[in-house]
């Protein structure tokens, strides 16, 4: 089986954080209702090994469902393992399970999976990620995160300048999409850059869609602005998570090059 890992700094106590995912994970429906739509106990006892819950959730703007079995609990190590026994994720993966291990100041997630077919992508969208960086190195995303950023080409204008338009082909929630992004503003003093979608799949849901990256020492802030094409269009949470993922990976890439 293949393995993916991700970690998240936490400010709450390790015991409290671990207890939440062992005993109170249902609260995710109230904490993040746009992402976790519902949860039902299918069998077993909540908070115990063998319990199976049906989660309905949104990933990449797509409504999905999974039945998760609690496979192992280790209170001493503050770790808990879940396994998908039914649901959409098993269309791509024969086996899909993940473990949360909590220590002081850190939550570590490990995903174990077996692809259902050789071309199935690694399940990067299921790991918590973090966001992108500089105006001149954005093309490197195709090399840094090839599973998510498939290709980029300059359509018009001069690369790294206001007015430049690039066509990006990317994967969001395991769906291949395309967008033409125009660079609409660059402020080198503030280390900020703004892009606007001028064509592509994102404009099916949003009349207007753009984002600004502002970089300071140790921090990248993304601001997404959008106008819904219709009232029921969801906020573009998946794109915010996507931006977060790209940033952290670019940050790691730049530290090592």
Protein backbone atom coordinates (compact mmCIF):
# COMPACT_ATOMS: atom_id res chain seq x y z
CA UNK A 1 0.00 0.00 0.00
CA UNK A 2 1.04 3.59 -0.59
CA UNK A 3 1.24 6.18 2.15
CA UNK A 4 0.66 9.93 2.47
CA UNK A 5 1.43 12.02 5.53
CA UNK A 6 0.47 15.49 6.68
CA UNK A 7 0.67 17.38 9.95
CA UNK A 8 -1.12 20.34 11.48
CA UNK A 9 0.10 22.50 14.38
CA UNK A 10 -2.50 22.65 17.19
CA UNK A 11 -2.90 25.10 20.05
CA UNK A 12 -5.35 23.06 22.13
CA UNK A 13 -4.12 20.33 24.46
CA UNK A 14 -3.22 16.99 22.87
CA UNK A 15 -5.65 15.13 25.14
CA UNK A 16 -8.53 17.44 24.26
CA UNK A 17 -7.82 17.29 20.53
CA UNK A 18 -7.55 13.50 20.54
CA UNK A 19 -10.72 13.15 22.63
CA UNK A 20 -12.63 15.24 20.10
CA UNK A 21 -11.81 12.88 17.23
CA UNK A 22 -12.45 9.81 19.37
CA UNK A 23 -15.70 10.87 21.04
CA UNK A 24 -17.04 14.06 19.47
CA UNK A 25 -16.15 13.87 15.78
CA UNK A 26 -19.85 14.25 14.91
CA UNK A 27 -19.43 17.92 15.88
CA UNK A 28 -17.62 18.48 12.58
CA UNK A 29 -21.09 18.76 11.05
CA UNK A 30 -21.73 21.83 13.22
CA UNK A 31 -18.20 23.24 13.05
CA UNK A 32 -17.83 22.99 9.26
CA UNK A 33 -21.30 22.41 7.77
CA UNK A 34 -20.20 23.45 4.28
CA UNK A 35 -17.73 20.56 4.25
CA UNK A 36 -19.31 17.94 6.53
CA UNK A 37 -22.99 17.73 5.62
CA UNK A 38 -24.21 14.88 7.85
CA UNK A 39 -23.12 11.87 9.87
CA UNK A 40 -25.06 8.76 10.95
CA UNK A 41 -24.02 5.83 13.13
CA UNK A 42 -24.60 2.72 11.00
CA UNK A 43 -23.43 0.03 13.42
CA UNK A 44 -21.49 -0.49 16.63
CA UNK A 45 -20.97 1.86 19.56
CA UNK A 46 -19.86 5.43 18.97
CA UNK A 47 -16.26 5.99 20.09
CA UNK A 48 -15.41 2.27 20.03
CA UNK A 49 -13.52 -0.05 17.70
CA UNK A 50 -15.90 -1.52 15.13
CA UNK A 51 -18.24 1.47 15.00
CA UNK A 52 -19.26 2.43 11.45
CA UNK A 53 -20.48 5.92 10.55
CA UNK A 54 -21.79 7.24 7.25
CA UNK A 55 -20.35 10.67 6.46
CA UNK A 56 -21.68 12.95 3.73
CA UNK A 57 -19.12 15.58 2.85
CA UNK A 58 -17.99 17.98 0.14
CA UNK A 59 -14.59 17.71 -1.52
CA UNK A 60 -13.66 19.96 -4.42
CA UNK A 61 -17.25 21.19 -4.67
CA UNK A 62 -18.56 17.61 -5.11
CA UNK A 63 -20.94 15.97 -2.63
CA UNK A 64 -19.59 12.57 -1.59
CA UNK A 65 -20.33 9.84 0.93
CA UNK A 66 -18.22 7.35 2.86
CA UNK A 67 -18.85 4.71 5.52
CA UNK A 68 -15.95 4.89 7.99
CA UNK A 69 -15.18 2.08 10.41
CA UNK A 70 -13.15 2.77 13.55
CA UNK A 71 -10.38 0.24 13.09
CA UNK A 72 -8.06 0.90 16.04
CA UNK A 73 -7.89 3.13 19.12
CA UNK A 74 -4.75 3.62 21.22
CA UNK A 75 -5.41 6.03 24.08
CA UNK A 76 -1.81 5.78 25.30
CA UNK A 77 -0.42 6.90 21.94
CA UNK A 78 -3.41 9.20 21.37
CA UNK A 79 -3.99 7.64 17.97
CA UNK A 80 -7.09 6.46 16.15
CA UNK A 81 -7.44 4.71 12.80
CA UNK A 82 -10.43 4.76 10.45
CA UNK A 83 -11.06 2.66 7.35
CA UNK A 84 -13.46 3.27 4.45
CA UNK A 85 -15.73 0.24 4.08
CA UNK A 86 -18.07 1.74 1.49
CA UNK A 87 -18.45 4.96 -0.46
CA UNK A 88 -17.18 7.13 -3.30
CA UNK A 89 -13.52 7.04 -2.28
CA UNK A 90 -13.45 3.29 -2.98
CA UNK A 91 -14.09 3.94 -6.67
CA UNK A 92 -10.46 5.08 -6.91
CA UNK A 93 -8.91 3.05 -4.10
CA UNK A 94 -9.31 -0.62 -3.20
CA UNK A 95 -8.23 0.24 0.33
CA UNK A 96 -8.38 3.63 2.02
CA UNK A 97 -7.65 4.21 5.70
CA UNK A 98 -6.15 6.98 7.79
CA UNK A 99 -4.65 7.40 11.24
CA UNK A 100 -4.64 10.48 13.44
CA UNK A 101 -1.82 10.62 16.01
CA UNK A 102 -1.80 13.58 18.40
CA UNK A 103 1.17 14.89 20.36
CA UNK A 104 1.75 18.19 22.15
CA UNK A 105 1.32 20.95 19.58
CA UNK A 106 0.90 18.65 16.58
CA UNK A 107 -1.70 16.48 14.86
CA UNK A 108 -0.20 13.96 12.44
CA UNK A 109 -2.36 12.38 9.72
CA UNK A 110 -1.27 9.28 7.79
CA UNK A 111 -3.26 7.92 4.86
CA UNK A 112 -2.74 4.34 3.65
CA UNK A 113 -4.27 3.46 0.31
CA UNK A 114 -4.18 0.95 -2.52
CA UNK A 115 -5.13 2.22 -5.96
CA UNK A 116 -8.06 0.53 -7.72
CA UNK A 117 -6.23 1.08 -11.03
CA UNK A 118 -2.68 2.16 -11.90
CA UNK A 119 -3.77 5.58 -13.17
CA UNK A 120 -5.64 6.51 -9.98
CA UNK A 121 -4.06 9.64 -8.46
CA UNK A 122 -2.61 9.80 -4.97
CA UNK A 123 -5.38 11.09 -2.65
CA UNK A 124 -3.70 14.45 -2.04
CA UNK A 125 -7.04 16.23 -1.64
CA UNK A 126 -7.69 14.24 1.53
CA UNK A 127 -4.58 15.57 3.33
CA UNK A 128 -4.62 19.00 4.96
CA UNK A 129 -2.49 21.34 2.86
CA UNK A 130 -1.33 24.97 2.70
CA UNK A 131 -0.74 27.79 -0.16
CA UNK A 132 1.39 29.21 -3.11
CA UNK A 133 4.04 31.95 -3.59
CA UNK A 134 5.99 34.13 -5.96
CA UNK A 135 4.90 35.68 -9.25
CA UNK A 136 7.88 34.38 -11.22
CA UNK A 137 7.93 30.82 -9.90
CA UNK A 138 4.24 29.93 -10.27
CA UNK A 139 5.01 27.89 -13.39
CA UNK A 140 7.02 25.62 -11.07
CA UNK A 141 3.73 24.37 -9.59
CA UNK A 142 3.54 22.01 -12.56
CA UNK A 143 6.80 20.43 -11.35
CA UNK A 144 6.21 20.79 -7.61
CA UNK A 145 2.66 19.39 -7.58
CA UNK A 146 2.19 17.58 -10.92
CA UNK A 147 -0.78 15.59 -9.58
CA UNK A 148 -2.67 18.87 -9.04
CA UNK A 149 -1.22 21.27 -11.62
CA UNK A 150 -1.08 19.43 -14.94
CA UNK A 151 0.10 22.13 -17.33
CA UNK A 152 0.46 25.88 -17.81
CA UNK A 153 0.91 27.95 -20.95
CA UNK A 154 1.18 31.68 -21.59
CA UNK A 155 -1.80 32.78 -23.70
CA UNK A 156 -1.04 36.49 -24.00
CA UNK A 157 1.12 39.23 -22.51
CA UNK A 158 4.51 38.98 -20.82
CA UNK A 159 5.09 36.42 -18.07
CA UNK A 160 5.36 38.07 -14.64
CA UNK A 161 3.67 41.29 -15.79
CA UNK A 162 0.21 42.86 -15.41
CA UNK A 163 -2.03 41.77 -18.28
CA UNK A 164 -0.39 38.38 -18.76
CA UNK A 165 -2.91 35.54 -19.21
CA UNK A 166 -2.00 31.92 -18.53
CA UNK A 167 -4.05 28.79 -19.10
CA UNK A 168 -3.78 26.39 -16.18
CA UNK A 169 -4.95 22.78 -16.30
CA UNK A 170 -5.38 21.44 -12.79
CA UNK A 171 -7.11 18.80 -10.69
CA UNK A 172 -9.52 19.72 -7.90
CA UNK A 173 -11.29 16.97 -5.98
CA UNK A 174 -10.03 14.45 -8.57
CA UNK A 175 -11.70 16.37 -11.43
CA UNK A 176 -9.62 17.80 -14.30
CA UNK A 177 -10.39 21.49 -14.82
CA UNK A 178 -9.03 24.47 -16.74
CA UNK A 179 -8.84 28.21 -16.09
CA UNK A 180 -7.36 31.22 -17.88
CA UNK A 181 -5.88 33.51 -15.20
CA UNK A 182 -5.03 37.14 -15.92
CA UNK A 183 -2.53 39.00 -13.74
CA UNK A 184 -4.47 42.15 -12.85
CA UNK A 185 -2.23 43.77 -10.22
CA UNK A 186 1.33 43.51 -8.92
CA UNK A 187 2.65 45.42 -5.89
CA UNK A 188 6.30 44.57 -5.29
CA UNK A 189 6.47 46.84 -2.23
CA UNK A 190 3.58 45.06 -0.53
CA UNK A 191 4.67 41.73 -2.05
CA UNK A 192 1.18 41.13 -3.35
CA UNK A 193 -0.21 39.95 -6.66
CA UNK A 194 -3.81 39.62 -7.89
CA UNK A 195 -5.18 37.23 -10.50
CA UNK A 196 -8.61 37.09 -12.13
CA UNK A 197 -10.28 34.21 -13.99
CA UNK A 198 -11.20 35.35 -17.51
CA UNK A 199 -12.27 31.96 -18.84
CA UNK A 200 -12.64 28.40 -17.59
CA UNK A 201 -14.61 25.96 -15.47
CA UNK A 202 -14.65 28.10 -12.32
CA UNK A 203 -16.84 30.65 -14.15
CA UNK A 204 -19.64 28.10 -14.41
CA UNK A 205 -20.37 28.69 -10.70
CA UNK A 206 -19.08 32.26 -10.35
CA UNK A 207 -19.69 35.34 -12.52
CA UNK A 208 -16.48 36.79 -11.10
CA UNK A 209 -13.60 34.92 -9.52
CA UNK A 210 -10.18 36.20 -8.53
CA UNK A 211 -7.64 36.03 -5.75
CA UNK A 212 -4.83 38.03 -4.18
CA UNK A 213 -1.65 36.62 -2.64
CA UNK A 214 0.08 38.80 -0.02
CA UNK A 215 3.39 37.56 1.36
CA UNK A 216 5.05 38.67 4.60
CA UNK A 217 7.84 37.10 6.63
CA UNK A 218 6.67 33.62 7.56
CA UNK A 219 3.12 34.07 6.25
CA UNK A 220 1.19 33.84 2.98
CA UNK A 221 -2.33 35.31 2.98
CA UNK A 222 -4.77 34.41 0.20
CA UNK A 223 -7.91 36.46 -0.37
CA UNK A 224 -10.51 35.10 -2.79
CA UNK A 225 -13.17 37.43 -4.21
CA UNK A 226 -16.13 36.06 -6.15
CA UNK A 227 -19.69 36.69 -7.30
CA UNK A 228 -22.00 33.69 -7.48
CA UNK A 229 -23.53 32.88 -10.86
CA UNK A 230 -26.66 31.70 -9.03
CA UNK A 231 -27.92 31.90 -5.46
CA UNK A 232 -27.29 28.25 -4.59
CA UNK A 233 -23.68 28.25 -5.79
CA UNK A 234 -21.43 27.24 -2.86
CA UNK A 235 -18.62 29.47 -1.58
CA UNK A 236 -15.33 28.36 -3.19
CA UNK A 237 -13.97 26.68 -0.06
CA UNK A 238 -12.27 23.98 -2.12
CA UNK A 239 -10.23 26.61 -3.91
CA UNK A 240 -9.09 28.09 -0.61
CA UNK A 241 -7.98 24.65 0.54
CA UNK A 242 -6.35 24.09 -2.84
CA UNK A 243 -4.42 27.34 -2.46
CA UNK A 244 -3.32 26.33 1.02
CA UNK A 245 -2.04 23.00 -0.28
CA UNK A 246 -0.02 24.61 -3.05
CA UNK A 247 1.56 27.20 -0.72
CA UNK A 248 2.98 24.73 1.73
CA UNK A 249 4.39 22.56 -1.03
CA UNK A 250 5.97 25.54 -2.79
CA UNK A 251 7.38 26.70 0.54
CA UNK A 252 9.02 23.29 1.04
CA UNK A 253 10.26 23.32 -2.56
CA UNK A 254 11.87 26.77 -2.18
CA UNK A 255 13.55 25.79 1.08
CA UNK A 256 15.21 22.88 -0.68
CA UNK A 257 16.25 24.64 -3.89
